[in-house]
């Protein structure tokens, strides 16, 4: 066996002797091993020749020209637009007596339909602007109904009620003096709400009260309703409207020496000036 193995090894050529041992087990060990060529790479796609024509010019689209109504809306402030819309809606009523009866039914109903309540409050705004003589005989009952809606938990109804009070201050003016204290108390309380729209509505209505009603009645209402309130936001609101009242009346009149006016104003300012809350102290009206 050794000789056979030696002869078989001797019969191999020098090339075969250099063949790796792993390839000798194959039957075709004497045949040359063909190397595997790598697959041919695909030819790149033919490129299109660049066109020598000039590239098309792209024109920018111009903005659409503004119409006359757009220019008018852009030139008017938002508050003026809203005011004009409200005035267009608050047209005189054909039968205000019947409308007042319907308004009481809408406001005194136990229904939770907030749209009906806003409808009733809107009717009161119309009558305050166009039919003041209809409101005067039942002014106290009307104010009580509005106060009840200012306390409404739905913010839309509460804001509508405060706007109604503001319109009544503006159009009825000193005829609202007898109702100033009760209405101011609920408005000052609303100044402490977290809802921004409710606070703005309360401040707006109080501003109309300061501008339209008798100053001594307004001062009494502010001091009774807000000077000693537990909430700092209410006291701050009171200080702000006292400052507005001082601007309306004039500091000379406030410090004229009248006991019912000067003393109460100075005592209120002194108390607010040492208030524990900084926001209240910052809103104290200056005495010059």
Protein backbone atom coordinates (compact mmCIF):
# COMPACT_ATOMS: atom_id res chain seq x y z
CA UNK A 1 0.00 0.00 0.00
CA UNK A 2 2.89 2.30 0.75
CA UNK A 3 4.36 1.67 -2.70
CA UNK A 4 1.06 2.35 -4.40
CA UNK A 5 0.71 5.56 -2.52
CA UNK A 6 4.29 6.51 -3.38
CA UNK A 7 3.85 5.68 -7.05
CA UNK A 8 0.62 7.54 -7.20
CA UNK A 9 2.27 10.52 -5.65
CA UNK A 10 5.24 10.18 -7.96
CA UNK A 11 3.00 10.15 -11.00
CA UNK A 12 1.75 13.61 -10.13
CA UNK A 13 3.34 16.49 -11.93
CA UNK A 14 5.07 19.33 -10.20
CA UNK A 15 1.96 21.39 -10.69
CA UNK A 16 -0.12 18.62 -9.10
CA UNK A 17 2.28 18.39 -6.19
CA UNK A 18 1.59 22.01 -5.44
CA UNK A 19 -2.14 21.43 -5.50
CA UNK A 20 -3.70 21.86 -2.07
CA UNK A 21 -4.52 18.64 -0.25
CA UNK A 22 -8.23 19.49 -0.12
CA UNK A 23 -8.46 19.31 -3.92
CA UNK A 24 -6.74 15.88 -4.25
CA UNK A 25 -9.84 14.07 -3.01
CA UNK A 26 -11.78 15.10 -6.09
CA UNK A 27 -11.72 12.73 -9.08
CA UNK A 28 -10.75 15.46 -11.47
CA UNK A 29 -7.72 16.44 -9.45
CA UNK A 30 -5.57 16.39 -12.55
CA UNK A 31 -7.79 18.82 -14.40
CA UNK A 32 -7.06 22.47 -13.99
CA UNK A 33 -9.37 24.34 -11.66
CA UNK A 34 -11.32 27.04 -13.40
CA UNK A 35 -11.40 30.24 -11.52
CA UNK A 36 -14.78 31.84 -11.09
CA UNK A 37 -14.85 35.12 -12.82
CA UNK A 38 -16.82 37.97 -11.23
CA UNK A 39 -20.14 38.64 -12.97
CA UNK A 40 -19.93 41.30 -15.61
CA UNK A 41 -21.03 44.74 -14.53
CA UNK A 42 -24.06 46.09 -16.32
CA UNK A 43 -23.35 48.83 -18.73
CA UNK A 44 -24.47 52.28 -17.55
CA UNK A 45 -27.65 53.55 -19.17
CA UNK A 46 -27.11 55.86 -22.04
CA UNK A 47 -27.32 59.48 -21.03
CA UNK A 48 -29.48 61.86 -22.96
CA UNK A 49 -27.58 64.66 -24.53
CA UNK A 50 -28.29 68.04 -22.98
CA UNK A 51 -30.68 70.13 -24.89
CA UNK A 52 -29.20 73.30 -26.21
CA UNK A 53 -32.57 75.06 -26.00
CA UNK A 54 -32.95 77.71 -23.25
CA UNK A 55 -34.75 76.65 -20.07
CA UNK A 56 -38.31 77.93 -19.68
CA UNK A 57 -38.73 80.93 -17.38
CA UNK A 58 -41.01 80.40 -14.37
CA UNK A 59 -43.04 83.43 -13.43
CA UNK A 60 -43.96 84.02 -9.77
CA UNK A 61 -47.68 84.11 -9.06
CA UNK A 62 -48.75 87.57 -7.94
CA UNK A 63 -51.04 87.92 -4.89
CA UNK A 64 -54.70 88.44 -5.52
CA UNK A 65 -55.71 92.06 -5.49
CA UNK A 66 -57.62 93.04 -2.36
CA UNK A 67 -61.23 93.99 -2.85
CA UNK A 68 -62.83 97.11 -1.46
CA UNK A 69 -64.48 95.22 1.40
CA UNK A 70 -61.17 93.59 2.35
CA UNK A 71 -59.41 96.95 2.48
CA UNK A 72 -62.19 98.38 4.62
CA UNK A 73 -62.07 95.44 7.03
CA UNK A 74 -58.29 95.68 7.30
CA UNK A 75 -58.36 99.41 7.96
CA UNK A 76 -60.99 99.19 10.72
CA UNK A 77 -59.91 98.06 14.18
CA UNK A 78 -61.43 94.83 15.46
CA UNK A 79 -63.28 96.59 18.27
CA UNK A 80 -64.92 98.96 15.79
CA UNK A 81 -65.98 96.07 13.55
CA UNK A 82 -67.52 94.26 16.51
CA UNK A 83 -69.25 97.45 17.63
CA UNK A 84 -70.74 98.03 14.19
CA UNK A 85 -71.96 94.43 14.09
CA UNK A 86 -73.60 94.84 17.50
CA UNK A 87 -75.25 98.09 16.44
CA UNK A 88 -76.59 96.41 13.32
CA UNK A 89 -78.08 93.67 15.46
CA UNK A 90 -79.54 95.98 18.16
CA UNK A 91 -82.28 97.52 16.04
CA UNK A 92 -85.46 99.00 17.60
CA UNK A 93 -88.24 96.54 18.33
CA UNK A 94 -91.68 96.79 16.77
CA UNK A 95 -93.43 95.79 20.01
CA UNK A 96 -91.11 96.43 23.01
CA UNK A 97 -93.81 95.75 25.64
CA UNK A 98 -94.37 92.26 24.32
CA UNK A 99 -90.62 91.75 23.99
CA UNK A 100 -90.12 92.67 27.66
CA UNK A 101 -92.72 90.13 28.75
CA UNK A 102 -91.04 87.48 26.64
CA UNK A 103 -87.65 88.45 28.06
CA UNK A 104 -88.82 87.88 31.63
CA UNK A 105 -90.11 84.45 30.63
CA UNK A 106 -86.80 83.55 29.02
CA UNK A 107 -84.72 84.69 32.00
CA UNK A 108 -86.98 83.28 34.71
CA UNK A 109 -87.49 79.93 33.06
CA UNK A 110 -85.94 76.91 34.74
CA UNK A 111 -84.63 75.70 31.41
CA UNK A 112 -80.89 75.30 30.94
CA UNK A 113 -81.11 76.47 27.34
CA UNK A 114 -78.36 79.08 27.37
CA UNK A 115 -79.25 80.33 23.89
CA UNK A 116 -82.68 81.45 25.11
CA UNK A 117 -81.10 83.29 28.02
CA UNK A 118 -78.73 85.11 25.68
CA UNK A 119 -81.71 85.96 23.48
CA UNK A 120 -83.46 87.51 26.47
CA UNK A 121 -80.35 89.48 27.48
CA UNK A 122 -79.94 90.74 23.92
CA UNK A 123 -83.53 92.00 23.99
CA UNK A 124 -82.72 93.94 27.15
CA UNK A 125 -79.72 95.52 25.42
CA UNK A 126 -81.97 96.57 22.54
CA UNK A 127 -84.49 98.10 24.93
CA UNK A 128 -81.78 99.88 26.92
CA UNK A 129 -80.57 101.48 23.70
CA UNK A 130 -83.88 102.21 22.00
CA UNK A 131 -86.75 101.83 24.49
CA UNK A 132 -85.55 103.18 27.85
CA UNK A 133 -89.05 104.25 28.91
CA UNK A 134 -90.18 100.61 28.77
CA UNK A 135 -87.49 99.53 31.25
CA UNK A 136 -87.90 102.23 33.88
CA UNK A 137 -91.07 100.94 35.64
CA UNK A 138 -89.51 97.49 36.15
CA UNK A 139 -85.86 98.49 36.44
CA UNK A 140 -85.25 96.82 39.80
CA UNK A 141 -86.74 93.50 38.71
CA UNK A 142 -84.76 93.65 35.48
CA UNK A 143 -81.49 94.26 37.35
CA UNK A 144 -82.19 91.36 39.70
CA UNK A 145 -82.73 89.08 36.71
CA UNK A 146 -79.49 90.27 35.11
CA UNK A 147 -77.55 89.81 38.37
CA UNK A 148 -78.81 86.25 38.52
CA UNK A 149 -77.47 85.62 35.00
CA UNK A 150 -74.11 87.23 35.80
CA UNK A 151 -73.72 84.41 38.32
CA UNK A 152 -74.53 81.82 35.64
CA UNK A 153 -71.93 79.06 35.45
CA UNK A 154 -71.91 79.17 31.66
CA UNK A 155 -69.38 81.82 30.69
CA UNK A 156 -71.25 82.88 27.53
CA UNK A 157 -74.37 83.74 29.53
CA UNK A 158 -72.36 85.49 32.25
CA UNK A 159 -70.49 87.63 29.72
CA UNK A 160 -73.74 88.52 27.95
CA UNK A 161 -75.28 89.58 31.26
CA UNK A 162 -72.30 91.81 32.10
CA UNK A 163 -72.47 93.38 28.63
CA UNK A 164 -76.16 94.07 29.26
CA UNK A 165 -75.33 95.86 32.52
CA UNK A 166 -72.71 97.90 30.70
CA UNK A 167 -75.27 99.01 28.10
CA UNK A 168 -77.75 99.91 30.81
CA UNK A 169 -75.12 102.06 32.55
CA UNK A 170 -74.31 103.82 29.30
CA UNK A 171 -77.86 104.51 28.12
CA UNK A 172 -79.76 104.90 31.40
CA UNK A 173 -76.88 106.67 33.17
CA UNK A 174 -78.03 108.26 36.46
CA UNK A 175 -81.31 106.38 36.31
CA UNK A 176 -79.19 103.37 37.31
CA UNK A 177 -77.97 105.04 40.54
CA UNK A 178 -80.41 103.08 42.67
CA UNK A 179 -79.07 99.81 41.24
CA UNK A 180 -75.37 100.66 41.29
CA UNK A 181 -74.53 99.06 44.62
CA UNK A 182 -76.14 95.70 43.90
CA UNK A 183 -74.81 95.41 40.37
CA UNK A 184 -71.31 96.61 41.28
CA UNK A 185 -71.01 93.97 44.01
CA UNK A 186 -71.58 91.08 41.62
CA UNK A 187 -69.29 92.62 38.99
CA UNK A 188 -66.47 93.07 41.50
CA UNK A 189 -66.86 89.45 42.54
CA UNK A 190 -66.50 88.38 38.91
CA UNK A 191 -63.20 90.25 38.70
CA UNK A 192 -61.62 87.40 40.68
CA UNK A 193 -62.57 84.71 38.14
CA UNK A 194 -59.83 82.71 36.41
CA UNK A 195 -61.55 83.10 33.03
CA UNK A 196 -59.96 86.03 31.19
CA UNK A 197 -63.10 86.89 29.23
CA UNK A 198 -65.19 87.10 32.39
CA UNK A 199 -62.65 89.39 34.07
CA UNK A 200 -62.56 91.62 31.01
CA UNK A 201 -66.36 91.73 30.88
CA UNK A 202 -66.57 92.69 34.55
CA UNK A 203 -63.94 95.43 34.19
CA UNK A 204 -65.62 96.80 31.08
CA UNK A 205 -69.03 97.00 32.78
CA UNK A 206 -67.51 98.65 35.87
CA UNK A 207 -65.76 101.16 33.62
CA UNK A 208 -69.11 102.12 32.08
CA UNK A 209 -70.54 102.49 35.57
CA UNK A 210 -67.73 104.85 36.61
CA UNK A 211 -68.17 106.96 33.47
CA UNK A 212 -71.97 107.14 33.45
CA UNK A 213 -73.41 107.08 36.98
CA UNK A 214 -73.28 109.58 39.83
CA UNK A 215 -69.71 109.63 41.25
CA UNK A 216 -70.72 109.56 44.92
CA UNK A 217 -72.94 106.53 44.32
CA UNK A 218 -70.17 104.84 42.36
CA UNK A 219 -67.61 105.45 45.11
CA UNK A 220 -69.94 104.07 47.74
CA UNK A 221 -70.59 100.96 45.62
CA UNK A 222 -66.86 100.36 45.06
CA UNK A 223 -65.95 100.80 48.71
CA UNK A 224 -68.81 98.65 50.01
CA UNK A 225 -68.30 95.88 47.48
CA UNK A 226 -64.53 95.70 47.12
CA UNK A 227 -62.50 97.60 49.71
CA UNK A 228 -62.57 94.87 52.37
CA UNK A 229 -63.02 91.87 50.08
CA UNK A 230 -60.98 88.78 50.97
CA UNK A 231 -59.77 88.29 47.40
CA UNK A 232 -56.77 90.42 46.39
CA UNK A 233 -57.93 90.53 42.76
CA UNK A 234 -61.19 92.18 43.83
CA UNK A 235 -59.35 94.76 45.94
CA UNK A 236 -57.01 95.44 43.03
CA UNK A 237 -59.99 95.94 40.72
CA UNK A 238 -61.49 98.32 43.27
CA UNK A 239 -58.28 100.36 43.35
CA UNK A 240 -58.17 100.57 39.55
CA UNK A 241 -61.72 101.88 39.29
CA UNK A 242 -61.19 104.31 42.15
CA UNK A 243 -58.35 105.76 40.10
CA UNK A 244 -60.65 106.06 37.09
CA UNK A 245 -63.27 107.70 39.27
CA UNK A 246 -60.67 110.22 40.47
CA UNK A 247 -59.91 111.04 36.83
CA UNK A 248 -63.61 111.50 36.05
CA UNK A 249 -64.31 113.68 39.07
CA UNK A 250 -61.04 115.54 39.20
CA UNK A 251 -58.71 115.55 42.19
CA UNK A 252 -59.74 119.09 43.13
CA UNK A 253 -63.32 117.98 43.69
CA UNK A 254 -62.26 114.87 45.57
CA UNK A 255 -60.11 116.91 47.95
CA UNK A 256 -62.55 119.79 48.24
CA UNK A 257 -63.19 119.03 51.90
CA UNK A 258 -66.69 117.60 51.68
CA UNK A 259 -67.01 115.14 54.52
CA UNK A 260 -68.89 112.41 52.65
CA UNK A 261 -66.46 112.52 49.76
CA UNK A 262 -62.97 113.52 50.80
CA UNK A 263 -62.79 111.56 54.04
CA UNK A 264 -64.03 108.31 52.53
CA UNK A 265 -61.71 108.62 49.56
CA UNK A 266 -58.61 109.32 51.67
CA UNK A 267 -59.40 106.51 54.11
CA UNK A 268 -59.87 104.07 51.22
CA UNK A 269 -56.62 105.12 49.54
CA UNK A 270 -54.71 104.82 52.82
CA UNK A 271 -56.06 101.34 53.41
CA UNK A 272 -55.24 100.17 49.89
CA UNK A 273 -51.74 101.67 50.09
CA UNK A 274 -50.80 99.31 52.94
CA UNK A 275 -52.59 96.27 51.53
CA UNK A 276 -50.67 92.98 52.00
CA UNK A 277 -50.93 92.21 48.27
CA UNK A 278 -48.43 94.01 46.06
CA UNK A 279 -50.81 94.05 43.08
CA UNK A 280 -53.26 96.08 45.16
CA UNK A 281 -50.65 98.57 46.35
CA UNK A 282 -49.50 99.14 42.76
CA UNK A 283 -53.04 100.11 41.68
CA UNK A 284 -53.67 102.69 44.39
CA UNK A 285 -54.66 106.04 42.84
CA UNK A 286 -52.06 108.78 43.49
CA UNK A 287 -53.21 111.71 45.60
CA UNK A 288 -51.75 114.97 44.27
